[in-house]
């Protein structure tokens, strides 16, 4: 809340002259004529008038004082006081030092960043207490005190160029706190395949349904335009099987979506296929059915859609 400024101009000419007359009795008892005709009283009234003017000026902040205050704040000097005041207030609202993760993310999109031609940052996510430049297998989950990792995604690229990462480091280096160790990296990617069966409505064309499904899956997991809001698949967000069912079930020509059965055993197969070495990411319900695939905090999805993995069950 704003501070209430004190009112320094709270004494009038009458207050000052009256107080002076009362003091005459104590300091000059021999002075007995307190009428306006007395020269001494005239001088008291004159000094009260001058004092009232000084108090009035004390209660006002003049241009000189304002410029001194702006200079203390590192204000901008354009020669026009109103412009200087506005620019100084705006400058105070800009982030110059990186203390929190939010500060790092704001600075990435701030002015003064020399980027490689045609490349720019479209998304940035700061992950505290992580050293994502480490080659340790547990770098995404292990705490690394005093370390901060900034994960950036450039326009129309899966991985930002070395030039972009270097430019970001050079800009953020002076802004970080002395004890903070900063790492600027691109996102990691988990390779994922889809295996699912789509039952069509009567009259649907098989290849049209398959093509629509491929496009919908690729768009949904796209780093730049995927996700539920169309702003790109969120960094580190898990993949939920229920969302895939909803996505495909809403396509024209699709009646319902179901698991694919193995051609040899006839058993129901997982809808999502990942590398066997990543099996710990698979989350199942009590019936053993796949519910989700987890991603690390700095990971996105690299979707690979094999048309043969999308089975089409025609109606009629």
Protein backbone atom coordinates (compact mmCIF):
# COMPACT_ATOMS: atom_id res chain seq x y z
CA UNK A 1 0.00 0.00 0.00
CA UNK A 2 1.24 3.57 -0.66
CA UNK A 3 2.84 5.57 2.14
CA UNK A 4 0.89 8.56 3.45
CA UNK A 5 3.03 11.69 3.13
CA UNK A 6 3.21 13.85 6.30
CA UNK A 7 1.65 17.31 6.13
CA UNK A 8 4.49 19.68 7.03
CA UNK A 9 2.49 22.79 6.16
CA UNK A 10 0.27 22.76 9.25
CA UNK A 11 1.14 26.18 10.79
CA UNK A 12 -0.50 29.40 9.61
CA UNK A 13 0.66 33.00 9.95
CA UNK A 14 -1.81 33.48 12.80
CA UNK A 15 -0.43 30.43 14.64
CA UNK A 16 3.15 31.69 14.34
CA UNK A 17 2.40 35.28 15.46
CA UNK A 18 0.31 34.10 18.40
CA UNK A 19 3.05 31.72 19.55
CA UNK A 20 5.63 34.54 19.28
CA UNK A 21 3.48 36.89 21.42
CA UNK A 22 3.23 34.23 24.12
CA UNK A 23 7.00 33.82 24.14
CA UNK A 24 7.57 37.58 24.58
CA UNK A 25 6.35 37.35 28.18
CA UNK A 26 8.98 34.71 29.02
CA UNK A 27 11.93 36.02 27.03
CA UNK A 28 11.38 39.81 27.20
CA UNK A 29 9.18 40.70 30.21
CA UNK A 30 10.10 44.36 29.87
CA UNK A 31 8.40 44.39 26.48
CA UNK A 32 4.86 45.32 27.39
CA UNK A 33 3.40 46.82 24.22
CA UNK A 34 2.10 43.92 22.10
CA UNK A 35 -0.10 46.02 19.85
CA UNK A 36 0.32 45.93 16.01
CA UNK A 37 1.58 49.53 16.20
CA UNK A 38 4.69 48.40 18.07
CA UNK A 39 7.75 48.07 15.75
CA UNK A 40 8.76 44.84 17.48
CA UNK A 41 5.38 43.27 16.82
CA UNK A 42 5.68 44.39 13.19
CA UNK A 43 8.98 42.50 12.93
CA UNK A 44 7.39 39.42 14.55
CA UNK A 45 4.61 39.50 11.99
CA UNK A 46 7.14 39.90 9.16
CA UNK A 47 9.21 36.91 10.30
CA UNK A 48 6.00 34.88 10.74
CA UNK A 49 5.13 35.70 7.13
CA UNK A 50 8.58 34.57 5.92
CA UNK A 51 8.43 31.43 8.06
CA UNK A 52 5.02 30.51 6.65
CA UNK A 53 6.47 30.74 3.11
CA UNK A 54 9.40 28.47 4.06
CA UNK A 55 7.04 25.90 5.60
CA UNK A 56 4.88 25.98 2.48
CA UNK A 57 7.94 25.27 0.31
CA UNK A 58 9.07 22.48 2.65
CA UNK A 59 5.75 20.72 2.14
CA UNK A 60 6.17 20.83 -1.65
CA UNK A 61 8.50 18.64 -3.74
CA UNK A 62 10.02 20.80 -6.41
CA UNK A 63 11.56 19.86 -9.74
CA UNK A 64 15.07 19.94 -8.31
CA UNK A 65 14.12 17.48 -5.56
CA UNK A 66 12.36 15.20 -8.02
CA UNK A 67 15.45 15.09 -10.24
CA UNK A 68 17.60 14.23 -7.21
CA UNK A 69 15.24 11.38 -6.30
CA UNK A 70 15.24 10.09 -9.89
CA UNK A 71 19.06 10.17 -9.92
CA UNK A 72 19.14 8.06 -6.73
CA UNK A 73 16.94 5.50 -8.51
CA UNK A 74 19.20 5.46 -11.55
CA UNK A 75 16.66 7.45 -13.49
CA UNK A 76 16.59 8.08 -17.21
CA UNK A 77 17.54 11.61 -18.36
CA UNK A 78 15.73 12.89 -21.43
CA UNK A 79 15.56 16.57 -20.45
CA UNK A 80 11.80 16.49 -19.84
CA UNK A 81 10.77 15.95 -16.23
CA UNK A 82 7.49 14.19 -16.96
CA UNK A 83 9.23 11.88 -19.45
CA UNK A 84 12.11 11.22 -17.03
CA UNK A 85 9.65 10.29 -14.29
CA UNK A 86 7.71 7.89 -16.54
CA UNK A 87 10.83 6.20 -17.93
CA UNK A 88 12.30 5.77 -14.44
CA UNK A 89 9.12 4.12 -13.12
CA UNK A 90 9.00 1.80 -16.15
CA UNK A 91 12.68 0.94 -15.75
CA UNK A 92 12.10 -0.01 -12.11
CA UNK A 93 9.49 -2.52 -13.28
CA UNK A 94 11.90 -4.25 -15.65
CA UNK A 95 13.87 -7.29 -14.52
CA UNK A 96 17.62 -6.72 -14.48
CA UNK A 97 18.72 -9.32 -11.94
CA UNK A 98 17.82 -13.00 -11.89
CA UNK A 99 16.94 -14.22 -8.41
CA UNK A 100 13.88 -16.40 -8.99
CA UNK A 101 13.06 -18.77 -11.82
CA UNK A 102 10.49 -16.27 -13.04
CA UNK A 103 13.29 -13.69 -13.39
CA UNK A 104 15.37 -15.99 -15.60
CA UNK A 105 12.39 -16.70 -17.84
CA UNK A 106 11.54 -12.99 -18.20
CA UNK A 107 15.12 -12.04 -19.06
CA UNK A 108 15.17 -14.54 -21.91
CA UNK A 109 12.46 -12.54 -23.69
CA UNK A 110 13.75 -9.12 -22.62
CA UNK A 111 15.63 -6.59 -24.78
CA UNK A 112 19.35 -6.66 -25.46
CA UNK A 113 19.68 -10.26 -26.64
CA UNK A 114 21.73 -10.74 -29.82
CA UNK A 115 20.33 -13.89 -31.46
CA UNK A 116 21.54 -15.84 -34.49
CA UNK A 117 19.83 -14.73 -37.68
CA UNK A 118 16.30 -16.11 -37.98
CA UNK A 119 16.34 -17.91 -34.63
CA UNK A 120 14.46 -16.86 -31.53
CA UNK A 121 13.25 -18.31 -28.26
CA UNK A 122 9.57 -19.29 -28.22
CA UNK A 123 9.42 -21.08 -24.87
CA UNK A 124 11.58 -21.09 -21.76
CA UNK A 125 11.27 -22.99 -18.52
CA UNK A 126 13.51 -22.59 -15.49
CA UNK A 127 14.14 -25.65 -13.32
CA UNK A 128 15.73 -24.90 -9.94
CA UNK A 129 18.30 -27.15 -8.26
CA UNK A 130 19.05 -29.11 -11.42
CA UNK A 131 22.21 -29.43 -13.49
CA UNK A 132 20.86 -30.56 -16.84
CA UNK A 133 24.27 -30.27 -18.47
CA UNK A 134 25.46 -33.13 -16.29
CA UNK A 135 25.95 -36.54 -17.89
CA UNK A 136 24.64 -38.24 -14.76
CA UNK A 137 21.67 -40.58 -15.48
CA UNK A 138 19.73 -38.98 -12.63
CA UNK A 139 20.43 -35.35 -13.58
CA UNK A 140 16.72 -34.61 -14.13
CA UNK A 141 15.67 -35.90 -10.71
CA UNK A 142 18.68 -35.36 -8.44
CA UNK A 143 18.90 -32.13 -6.43
CA UNK A 144 21.88 -29.94 -7.29
CA UNK A 145 22.03 -27.07 -4.76
CA UNK A 146 22.95 -23.66 -6.19
CA UNK A 147 22.39 -24.94 -9.75
CA UNK A 148 19.68 -23.58 -12.05
CA UNK A 149 18.84 -24.96 -15.49
CA UNK A 150 17.04 -22.94 -18.14
CA UNK A 151 15.43 -25.08 -20.84
CA UNK A 152 14.67 -23.20 -24.07
CA UNK A 153 12.91 -24.10 -27.29
CA UNK A 154 13.61 -22.11 -30.44
CA UNK A 155 11.26 -21.43 -33.31
CA UNK A 156 10.64 -24.36 -35.62
CA UNK A 157 13.56 -26.34 -34.19
CA UNK A 158 13.63 -29.42 -32.01
CA UNK A 159 16.98 -28.38 -30.56
CA UNK A 160 18.25 -24.78 -30.22
CA UNK A 161 21.55 -24.08 -31.96
CA UNK A 162 24.82 -23.72 -30.06
CA UNK A 163 24.87 -20.06 -31.10
CA UNK A 164 21.50 -19.43 -29.44
CA UNK A 165 22.51 -21.18 -26.21
CA UNK A 166 25.77 -19.20 -26.14
CA UNK A 167 23.92 -15.89 -26.65
CA UNK A 168 21.55 -16.69 -23.80
CA UNK A 169 24.40 -17.58 -21.44
CA UNK A 170 26.21 -14.34 -22.23
CA UNK A 171 23.09 -12.30 -21.50
CA UNK A 172 22.14 -14.11 -18.29
CA UNK A 173 25.64 -14.40 -16.84
CA UNK A 174 25.80 -10.79 -15.51
CA UNK A 175 22.25 -11.06 -14.15
CA UNK A 176 22.63 -14.18 -12.05
CA UNK A 177 23.49 -14.15 -8.36
CA UNK A 178 27.14 -14.71 -7.51
CA UNK A 179 26.63 -18.20 -6.07
CA UNK A 180 24.22 -19.42 -8.77
CA UNK A 181 25.54 -21.84 -11.37
CA UNK A 182 23.51 -21.42 -14.53
CA UNK A 183 22.98 -24.00 -17.28
CA UNK A 184 21.20 -23.16 -20.55
CA UNK A 185 20.10 -26.23 -22.47
CA UNK A 186 17.63 -27.45 -25.05
CA UNK A 187 14.84 -29.90 -24.14
CA UNK A 188 15.27 -33.65 -24.07
CA UNK A 189 12.89 -35.86 -26.05
CA UNK A 190 11.20 -39.14 -25.22
CA UNK A 191 10.50 -41.18 -28.35
CA UNK A 192 6.94 -42.49 -28.33
CA UNK A 193 4.89 -44.63 -30.73
CA UNK A 194 1.12 -45.09 -30.80
CA UNK A 195 -0.62 -48.45 -31.24
CA UNK A 196 -4.40 -48.29 -31.23
CA UNK A 197 -7.52 -49.44 -33.10
CA UNK A 198 -10.19 -47.09 -34.47
CA UNK A 199 -13.65 -48.40 -35.28
CA UNK A 200 -15.32 -46.35 -37.99
CA UNK A 201 -18.88 -45.30 -38.59
CA UNK A 202 -20.78 -46.59 -41.59
CA UNK A 203 -19.53 -45.08 -44.84
CA UNK A 204 -16.16 -43.87 -43.57
CA UNK A 205 -13.10 -44.21 -45.81
CA UNK A 206 -10.31 -46.22 -44.17
CA UNK A 207 -7.30 -44.21 -45.40
CA UNK A 208 -9.01 -40.90 -44.68
CA UNK A 209 -9.62 -41.93 -41.08
CA UNK A 210 -6.03 -43.17 -40.72
CA UNK A 211 -4.61 -39.95 -42.19
CA UNK A 212 -6.75 -37.82 -39.86
CA UNK A 213 -5.57 -39.87 -36.89
CA UNK A 214 -1.90 -39.52 -37.84
CA UNK A 215 -2.23 -35.75 -38.26
CA UNK A 216 -4.14 -35.34 -34.99
CA UNK A 217 -1.55 -37.30 -32.98
CA UNK A 218 1.42 -35.49 -34.54
CA UNK A 219 -0.18 -32.09 -33.92
CA UNK A 220 -1.23 -32.92 -30.35
CA UNK A 221 2.35 -33.72 -29.30
CA UNK A 222 4.04 -31.02 -31.37
CA UNK A 223 6.47 -28.92 -29.24
CA UNK A 224 5.33 -25.69 -30.89
CA UNK A 225 1.59 -26.05 -31.51
CA UNK A 226 0.53 -29.11 -29.53
CA UNK A 227 -1.10 -29.56 -26.16
CA UNK A 228 -4.68 -28.82 -25.18
CA UNK A 229 -4.19 -25.06 -25.69
CA UNK A 230 -2.32 -25.25 -29.01
CA UNK A 231 0.76 -23.52 -27.55
CA UNK A 232 3.01 -26.56 -27.59
CA UNK A 233 3.23 -29.71 -25.53
CA UNK A 234 4.08 -28.58 -21.97
CA UNK A 235 7.60 -29.33 -20.83
CA UNK A 236 7.68 -32.36 -18.54
CA UNK A 237 3.95 -33.10 -18.81
CA UNK A 238 2.99 -36.77 -18.62
CA UNK A 239 1.16 -38.49 -21.49
CA UNK A 240 -2.27 -39.75 -20.44
CA UNK A 241 -3.89 -42.56 -22.39
CA UNK A 242 -7.36 -41.16 -21.74
CA UNK A 243 -6.45 -37.98 -23.62
CA UNK A 244 -5.43 -40.00 -26.67
CA UNK A 245 -8.78 -41.80 -26.62
CA UNK A 246 -10.62 -38.48 -26.41
CA UNK A 247 -8.51 -36.97 -29.20
CA UNK A 248 -9.16 -39.82 -31.63
CA UNK A 249 -12.76 -40.43 -30.64
CA UNK A 250 -13.63 -36.84 -31.68
CA UNK A 251 -12.34 -37.35 -35.25
CA UNK A 252 -14.88 -37.45 -38.12
CA UNK A 253 -15.67 -41.00 -39.17
CA UNK A 254 -14.59 -42.58 -35.86
CA UNK A 255 -17.23 -44.47 -33.91
CA UNK A 256 -15.07 -45.57 -30.97
CA UNK A 257 -11.44 -46.26 -30.01
CA UNK A 258 -10.12 -49.43 -28.44
CA UNK A 259 -6.90 -51.28 -27.68
CA UNK A 260 -5.24 -53.31 -30.39
CA UNK A 261 -5.12 -57.07 -29.87
CA UNK A 262 -2.01 -59.09 -30.63
CA UNK A 263 -2.24 -61.12 -33.82
CA UNK A 264 -0.72 -64.20 -32.16
CA UNK A 265 -2.05 -64.15 -28.60
CA UNK A 266 -5.15 -62.01 -28.99
CA UNK A 267 -4.32 -60.15 -25.79
CA UNK A 268 -4.83 -56.40 -25.54
CA UNK A 269 -1.63 -54.39 -26.14
CA UNK A 270 -0.49 -51.08 -24.66
CA UNK A 271 -1.57 -48.01 -26.58
CA UNK A 272 1.84 -46.33 -26.12
CA UNK A 273 5.15 -47.92 -27.09
CA UNK A 274 8.46 -46.68 -25.67
CA UNK A 275 11.96 -48.11 -25.47
CA UNK A 276 12.08 -51.18 -23.16
CA UNK A 277 14.81 -49.47 -21.14
CA UNK A 278 12.30 -46.76 -20.20
CA UNK A 279 9.70 -49.17 -18.79
CA UNK A 280 9.81 -47.45 -15.38
CA UNK A 281 7.95 -44.51 -16.95
CA UNK A 282 4.84 -46.63 -17.59
CA UNK A 283 2.11 -46.10 -15.00
CA UNK A 284 -0.64 -48.72 -14.75
CA UNK A 285 -3.91 -49.11 -12.88
CA UNK A 286 -4.84 -52.03 -10.64
CA UNK A 287 -5.91 -54.06 -13.67
CA UNK A 288 -2.51 -53.65 -15.28
CA UNK A 289 -3.84 -51.33 -17.97
CA UNK A 290 -1.61 -48.48 -19.07
CA UNK A 291 -2.75 -45.10 -17.74
CA UNK A 292 0.16 -42.73 -18.36
CA UNK A 293 3.78 -42.30 -19.40
CA UNK A 294 5.83 -39.89 -17.29
CA UNK A 295 8.29 -37.36 -18.65
CA UNK A 296 11.25 -35.73 -16.97
CA UNK A 297 10.94 -32.00 -16.06
CA UNK A 298 13.03 -30.99 -19.11
CA UNK A 299 11.52 -33.41 -21.64
CA UNK A 300 9.13 -33.17 -24.56
CA UNK A 301 7.57 -35.86 -26.77
CA UNK A 302 9.11 -37.08 -30.00
CA UNK A 303 6.12 -38.76 -31.57
CA UNK A 304 6.62 -41.39 -34.25
CA UNK A 305 3.41 -42.50 -35.88
CA UNK A 306 3.63 -45.69 -37.92
CA UNK A 307 0.49 -45.93 -40.06
CA UNK A 308 0.57 -49.70 -39.66
CA UNK A 309 0.20 -49.25 -35.87
CA UNK A 310 -3.16 -47.54 -36.38
CA UNK A 311 -5.62 -50.34 -37.03
CA UNK A 312 -8.87 -49.40 -38.70
CA UNK A 313 -11.93 -51.52 -37.90
CA UNK A 314 -14.44 -50.89 -40.65
CA UNK A 315 -18.21 -51.01 -39.98
CA UNK A 316 -20.47 -52.93 -42.32
